[in-house]
């Protein structure tokens, strides 16, 4: 089968380690099943994998990709929940110490076929296209959990989303607006601000700008570049939810803001199967859909990843393995 995989690592030139070629068909282990992939979306996780973050040399070659939509052995359309955990774990699966994403311990989704536990297959709603459904498992599920589990936002409250063009950030803008939460966003560019407005932001600000008033929660995936602004933007008792740090992991702690105004700093990662079903209900009821920047045949995975690296994409990039 055709697959896009990490053959080597290169921290400075991640595309140098990418290979698109034929690999053996996967064989499902007990309790797992074979899925024919129709669409797979890209995440920055794929770039980090090519840089050697989270993988070891002995795991190579590793098929990339965390997200997919496809067809199960019975011919049903399914979305693949990419969080693989211990089958004996009970409770919130994001807290399972044995959890991993596809392409970390098990081969990923950038292939014509993949294998996953049957419990990780979610029926695809007919209202979603294959490409739209493939965008949901990482970025959109992460945004949903950040907003409604970690920050526990409700209609009428206000959220600030930092870095509007990021995959999780743009999803958070659309989901918050669809749920009746007043939604503000920041971006470094006019193009990013326009994109945030199209996603539903009620107001948009240049990165670092003083806000008209403080907010109930901040969605933070940018990291060092926006951390101080995030804390200053919260009202007393507010919550900053962190699910990434694309500009660095070492900002000043600003503990005086945290303790004096009794702020909550909450980490969040991916989401549960139950939250995935809630996300699908929200999309179905609201008509909200993931914006897709562009689609590529699987053979052109390198071009898709290059576009994501250069930071010009507005929306998700999707690979379509059936388009040879």
Protein backbone atom coordinates (compact mmCIF):
# COMPACT_ATOMS: atom_id res chain seq x y z
CA UNK A 1 0.00 0.00 0.00
CA UNK A 2 1.04 3.62 -0.48
CA UNK A 3 2.03 5.49 2.70
CA UNK A 4 3.79 8.67 3.81
CA UNK A 5 6.25 7.95 6.58
CA UNK A 6 9.26 9.17 8.51
CA UNK A 7 12.31 7.32 7.23
CA UNK A 8 14.86 9.45 9.10
CA UNK A 9 14.83 12.50 11.38
CA UNK A 10 16.09 15.99 10.59
CA UNK A 11 15.52 18.70 13.19
CA UNK A 12 16.43 21.50 10.77
CA UNK A 13 14.85 20.17 7.57
CA UNK A 14 11.95 17.91 8.55
CA UNK A 15 10.93 17.19 4.95
CA UNK A 16 14.32 15.56 4.36
CA UNK A 17 13.17 12.58 6.45
CA UNK A 18 9.83 12.13 4.67
CA UNK A 19 9.31 9.24 2.28
CA UNK A 20 6.20 8.42 0.23
CA UNK A 21 6.27 4.85 -1.03
CA UNK A 22 4.98 1.32 -0.76
CA UNK A 23 4.81 -0.46 2.60
CA UNK A 24 3.29 -3.83 3.55
CA UNK A 25 -0.43 -3.98 4.30
CA UNK A 26 -1.06 -3.88 8.08
CA UNK A 27 -2.42 -6.94 9.85
CA UNK A 28 -4.98 -6.23 12.62
CA UNK A 29 -4.21 -7.69 16.02
CA UNK A 30 -7.05 -9.17 18.15
CA UNK A 31 -9.70 -6.55 18.92
CA UNK A 32 -8.46 -4.29 16.11
CA UNK A 33 -9.76 -3.89 12.56
CA UNK A 34 -8.61 -2.72 9.15
CA UNK A 35 -9.84 0.67 7.91
CA UNK A 36 -9.58 1.86 4.31
CA UNK A 37 -8.60 5.52 4.57
CA UNK A 38 -10.55 8.03 2.50
CA UNK A 39 -9.16 11.22 4.01
CA UNK A 40 -6.45 12.12 6.55
CA UNK A 41 -5.74 15.61 7.86
CA UNK A 42 -2.39 17.14 8.81
CA UNK A 43 -1.33 18.47 12.20
CA UNK A 44 1.87 20.09 13.45
CA UNK A 45 2.40 16.81 15.31
CA UNK A 46 3.48 15.38 11.93
CA UNK A 47 6.23 17.98 11.58
CA UNK A 48 7.48 17.34 15.10
CA UNK A 49 7.62 13.62 14.30
CA UNK A 50 9.81 14.32 11.26
CA UNK A 51 12.08 16.39 13.51
CA UNK A 52 12.46 13.38 15.81
CA UNK A 53 10.31 14.63 18.69
CA UNK A 54 8.47 11.77 20.40
CA UNK A 55 9.97 9.04 18.21
CA UNK A 56 13.08 6.89 18.44
CA UNK A 57 15.29 5.64 15.62
CA UNK A 58 14.29 2.04 16.27
CA UNK A 59 10.63 2.90 15.54
CA UNK A 60 11.39 3.92 11.95
CA UNK A 61 9.89 3.73 9.45
CA UNK A 62 6.82 5.28 11.12
CA UNK A 63 3.72 6.15 9.11
CA UNK A 64 2.70 9.71 9.96
CA UNK A 65 -0.76 11.09 10.71
CA UNK A 66 -3.12 11.19 13.68
CA UNK A 67 -6.48 11.87 11.98
CA UNK A 68 -8.54 9.91 9.47
CA UNK A 69 -11.94 9.15 8.06
CA UNK A 70 -12.52 5.92 6.20
CA UNK A 71 -14.48 2.72 5.75
CA UNK A 72 -14.58 -0.21 8.18
CA UNK A 73 -14.62 -3.91 7.14
CA UNK A 74 -18.44 -3.83 6.98
CA UNK A 75 -18.49 -0.91 4.56
CA UNK A 76 -19.53 1.70 7.12
CA UNK A 77 -18.14 5.24 7.05
CA UNK A 78 -16.15 5.87 10.24
CA UNK A 79 -14.04 8.54 11.91
CA UNK A 80 -10.91 7.27 13.64
CA UNK A 81 -10.34 8.45 17.22
CA UNK A 82 -6.55 8.56 17.24
CA UNK A 83 -6.00 8.25 21.00
CA UNK A 84 -4.91 4.66 21.67
CA UNK A 85 -4.86 3.56 25.29
CA UNK A 86 -4.88 0.55 27.59
CA UNK A 87 -8.07 -1.48 26.91
CA UNK A 88 -8.35 -2.14 30.66
CA UNK A 89 -8.22 1.58 31.59
CA UNK A 90 -11.43 2.93 33.13
CA UNK A 91 -12.36 6.60 33.29
CA UNK A 92 -11.09 9.58 31.30
CA UNK A 93 -8.91 8.01 28.61
CA UNK A 94 -6.84 11.19 28.20
CA UNK A 95 -5.43 10.47 31.70
CA UNK A 96 -4.36 6.92 30.88
CA UNK A 97 -0.57 6.85 31.44
CA UNK A 98 -0.26 4.30 28.59
CA UNK A 99 -2.07 6.46 26.02
CA UNK A 100 -0.50 7.50 22.75
CA UNK A 101 -1.57 9.02 19.47
CA UNK A 102 -1.46 7.20 16.19
CA UNK A 103 2.02 7.68 14.65
CA UNK A 104 3.66 7.67 18.10
CA UNK A 105 3.57 4.00 19.06
CA UNK A 106 1.35 2.62 16.30
CA UNK A 107 1.42 3.41 12.56
CA UNK A 108 -0.51 6.52 11.61
CA UNK A 109 -3.16 7.55 9.11
CA UNK A 110 -1.16 8.76 6.07
CA UNK A 111 -1.71 5.48 4.24
CA UNK A 112 -4.27 3.67 2.14
CA UNK A 113 -5.06 1.40 5.10
CA UNK A 114 -4.59 1.48 8.87
CA UNK A 115 -5.48 -0.69 11.85
CA UNK A 116 -7.06 0.57 15.09
CA UNK A 117 -9.01 -0.87 18.02
CA UNK A 118 -12.69 -1.27 17.12
CA UNK A 119 -13.61 0.91 20.09
CA UNK A 120 -11.82 3.80 18.38
CA UNK A 121 -14.22 3.87 15.42
CA UNK A 122 -17.01 6.45 15.45
CA UNK A 123 -19.83 6.36 12.87
CA UNK A 124 -19.40 9.24 10.41
CA UNK A 125 -22.47 11.49 10.32
CA UNK A 126 -23.83 11.73 6.76
CA UNK A 127 -23.85 15.53 7.11
CA UNK A 128 -20.04 15.61 7.09
CA UNK A 129 -17.86 15.02 4.05
CA UNK A 130 -14.94 12.63 4.39
CA UNK A 131 -12.48 15.56 4.34
CA UNK A 132 -14.42 17.48 7.01
CA UNK A 133 -14.67 14.42 9.24
CA UNK A 134 -10.94 13.78 8.93
CA UNK A 135 -10.22 17.23 10.39
CA UNK A 136 -11.90 16.55 13.72
CA UNK A 137 -9.99 13.99 15.84
CA UNK A 138 -7.02 16.13 16.95
CA UNK A 139 -7.54 19.88 16.51
CA UNK A 140 -11.31 20.06 16.85
CA UNK A 141 -11.61 17.55 19.67
CA UNK A 142 -8.79 19.31 21.53
CA UNK A 143 -10.54 22.67 21.14
CA UNK A 144 -13.86 21.21 22.31
CA UNK A 145 -12.32 19.80 25.50
CA UNK A 146 -10.45 23.05 26.20
CA UNK A 147 -13.61 25.13 25.93
CA UNK A 148 -16.25 23.01 27.58
CA UNK A 149 -14.44 20.58 29.91
CA UNK A 150 -11.28 22.43 31.02
CA UNK A 151 -12.69 25.98 30.97
CA UNK A 152 -16.33 24.90 31.53
CA UNK A 153 -17.57 27.84 29.47
CA UNK A 154 -21.29 28.50 29.09
CA UNK A 155 -23.38 30.82 26.90
CA UNK A 156 -22.91 34.51 27.70
CA UNK A 157 -19.36 34.17 29.00
CA UNK A 158 -16.36 35.56 27.09
CA UNK A 159 -13.34 33.67 25.79
CA UNK A 160 -10.14 34.96 24.21
CA UNK A 161 -8.48 32.69 21.64
CA UNK A 162 -4.81 33.43 21.02
CA UNK A 163 -3.29 32.94 17.55
CA UNK A 164 -6.45 32.67 15.47
CA UNK A 165 -5.04 30.84 12.45
CA UNK A 166 -3.78 27.76 14.31
CA UNK A 167 -5.73 24.54 13.87
CA UNK A 168 -6.88 24.28 17.50
CA UNK A 169 -7.38 28.04 17.80
CA UNK A 170 -9.56 28.38 14.70
CA UNK A 171 -11.63 25.38 15.82
CA UNK A 172 -12.06 26.98 19.25
CA UNK A 173 -13.36 30.20 17.66
CA UNK A 174 -16.00 28.37 15.65
CA UNK A 175 -17.06 26.05 18.47
CA UNK A 176 -17.28 28.80 21.09
CA UNK A 177 -19.40 30.97 18.82
CA UNK A 178 -21.67 28.03 17.93
CA UNK A 179 -22.23 27.38 21.67
CA UNK A 180 -23.25 30.98 22.41
CA UNK A 181 -19.98 32.08 24.03
CA UNK A 182 -18.81 35.62 23.22
CA UNK A 183 -15.63 35.00 21.29
CA UNK A 184 -12.59 37.26 20.89
CA UNK A 185 -9.42 36.33 19.04
CA UNK A 186 -5.93 37.65 18.36
CA UNK A 187 -3.69 37.44 15.31
CA UNK A 188 -0.44 38.96 14.10
CA UNK A 189 -1.77 39.68 10.60
CA UNK A 190 -4.74 41.27 8.86
CA UNK A 191 -5.23 38.01 6.97
CA UNK A 192 -5.44 36.14 10.26
CA UNK A 193 -7.89 38.65 11.67
CA UNK A 194 -10.14 38.28 8.63
CA UNK A 195 -9.99 34.50 8.99
CA UNK A 196 -11.00 34.76 12.66
CA UNK A 197 -14.01 36.87 11.71
CA UNK A 198 -15.04 34.31 9.10
CA UNK A 199 -14.81 31.62 11.78
CA UNK A 200 -17.26 33.62 13.88
CA UNK A 201 -15.17 35.77 16.24
CA UNK A 202 -17.20 38.64 17.69
CA UNK A 203 -14.12 40.86 17.82
CA UNK A 204 -10.49 40.50 16.76
CA UNK A 205 -7.37 42.22 18.11
CA UNK A 206 -3.74 42.45 17.15
CA UNK A 207 -1.56 40.16 19.26
CA UNK A 208 -0.77 41.81 22.60
CA UNK A 209 -3.41 44.55 22.33
CA UNK A 210 -5.17 45.64 25.49
CA UNK A 211 -8.72 44.27 25.53
CA UNK A 212 -11.85 46.34 26.25
CA UNK A 213 -12.47 44.21 29.32
CA UNK A 214 -11.12 41.08 30.94
CA UNK A 215 -12.40 37.67 29.90
CA UNK A 216 -13.59 34.51 31.63
CA UNK A 217 -11.14 32.19 29.87
CA UNK A 218 -8.22 32.17 27.44
CA UNK A 219 -7.46 29.41 24.94
CA UNK A 220 -3.65 29.25 24.81
CA UNK A 221 -1.74 27.23 22.21
CA UNK A 222 0.90 29.83 21.26
CA UNK A 223 3.05 29.75 24.38
CA UNK A 224 5.85 32.15 25.22
CA UNK A 225 4.85 34.92 22.79
CA UNK A 226 1.34 35.35 24.25
CA UNK A 227 1.57 33.98 27.81
CA UNK A 228 1.86 37.33 29.61
CA UNK A 229 -1.02 38.78 27.59
CA UNK A 230 -3.16 35.73 28.36
CA UNK A 231 -2.75 36.14 32.12
CA UNK A 232 -3.28 39.90 32.02
CA UNK A 233 -6.47 39.41 29.99
CA UNK A 234 -8.22 37.22 32.58
CA UNK A 235 -10.69 38.53 35.10
CA UNK A 236 -10.22 37.44 38.73
CA UNK A 237 -10.94 33.73 39.02
CA UNK A 238 -10.54 33.25 35.27
CA UNK A 239 -9.01 30.24 33.54
CA UNK A 240 -6.23 29.92 30.98
CA UNK A 241 -6.32 26.55 29.23
CA UNK A 242 -3.03 25.41 27.70
CA UNK A 243 -2.77 22.78 24.97
CA UNK A 244 0.38 23.80 23.16
CA UNK A 245 3.31 26.20 23.00
CA UNK A 246 4.33 26.70 19.37
CA UNK A 247 6.54 29.72 20.20
CA UNK A 248 8.31 28.15 23.17
CA UNK A 249 7.76 26.39 26.48
CA UNK A 250 9.64 28.73 28.80
CA UNK A 251 7.68 31.96 29.41
CA UNK A 252 7.98 33.80 32.75
CA UNK A 253 5.59 32.27 35.23
CA UNK A 254 4.04 35.64 36.23
CA UNK A 255 2.96 34.03 39.48
CA UNK A 256 1.92 37.38 40.93
CA UNK A 257 -0.95 37.48 38.41
CA UNK A 258 -1.87 33.89 39.21
CA UNK A 259 -2.13 34.12 42.99
CA UNK A 260 -3.32 37.72 43.41
CA UNK A 261 -6.27 37.33 41.03
CA UNK A 262 -6.75 33.63 41.84
CA UNK A 263 -6.37 32.49 38.25
CA UNK A 264 -6.58 28.88 37.16
CA UNK A 265 -3.98 27.41 34.79
CA UNK A 266 -5.30 24.17 33.31
CA UNK A 267 -3.56 21.79 30.92
CA UNK A 268 -5.60 19.99 28.29
CA UNK A 269 -4.79 17.30 25.73
CA UNK A 270 -7.01 15.70 23.07
CA UNK A 271 -10.40 14.48 24.30
CA UNK A 272 -12.47 11.43 25.17
CA UNK A 273 -14.80 9.35 23.02
CA UNK A 274 -17.73 10.82 24.92
CA UNK A 275 -16.52 14.34 24.15
CA UNK A 276 -16.08 13.34 20.50
CA UNK A 277 -19.76 12.41 20.31
CA UNK A 278 -20.69 15.74 21.96
CA UNK A 279 -18.55 17.55 19.38
CA UNK A 280 -20.37 15.79 16.54
CA UNK A 281 -23.75 16.75 18.02
CA UNK A 282 -22.68 20.40 18.21
CA UNK A 283 -21.51 20.38 14.60
CA UNK A 284 -24.67 18.66 13.42
CA UNK A 285 -26.93 21.05 15.29
CA UNK A 286 -25.11 24.25 14.38
CA UNK A 287 -24.05 23.54 10.80
CA UNK A 288 -20.47 24.52 11.69
CA UNK A 289 -17.86 22.81 9.53
CA UNK A 290 -14.03 22.70 9.64
CA UNK A 291 -12.52 25.06 7.06
CA UNK A 292 -10.30 23.21 4.60
CA UNK A 293 -7.42 25.14 3.05
CA UNK A 294 -6.54 22.53 0.44
CA UNK A 295 -6.56 18.83 -0.40
CA UNK A 296 -3.74 16.75 -1.86
CA UNK A 297 -3.29 13.19 -3.14
CA UNK A 298 -1.35 11.06 -0.68
CA UNK A 299 1.56 11.01 -3.13
CA UNK A 300 1.91 14.79 -2.62
CA UNK A 301 2.16 14.61 1.18
CA UNK A 302 5.44 16.53 1.06
CA UNK A 303 3.79 19.52 -0.62
CA UNK A 304 1.00 19.50 1.97
CA UNK A 305 3.44 19.38 4.89
CA UNK A 306 5.54 22.13 3.31
CA UNK A 307 2.48 24.37 3.11
CA UNK A 308 1.74 23.75 6.77
CA UNK A 309 5.34 24.54 7.75
CA UNK A 310 5.38 27.87 5.90
CA UNK A 311 2.40 29.06 7.95
CA UNK A 312 0.31 30.40 5.07
CA UNK A 313 -2.55 27.91 5.29
CA UNK A 314 -5.92 29.08 6.57
CA UNK A 315 -7.74 25.94 7.57
CA UNK A 316 -6.76 22.28 7.44
CA UNK A 317 -4.75 20.41 4.83
CA UNK A 318 -6.19 17.03 3.88
CA UNK A 319 -4.64 14.03 2.13
CA UNK A 320 -6.87 11.81 -0.01
CA UNK A 321 -5.27 8.34 -0.43
CA UNK A 322 -7.85 7.24 -3.01
CA UNK A 323 -6.71 10.02 -5.40
CA UNK A 324 -3.70 8.20 -6.84
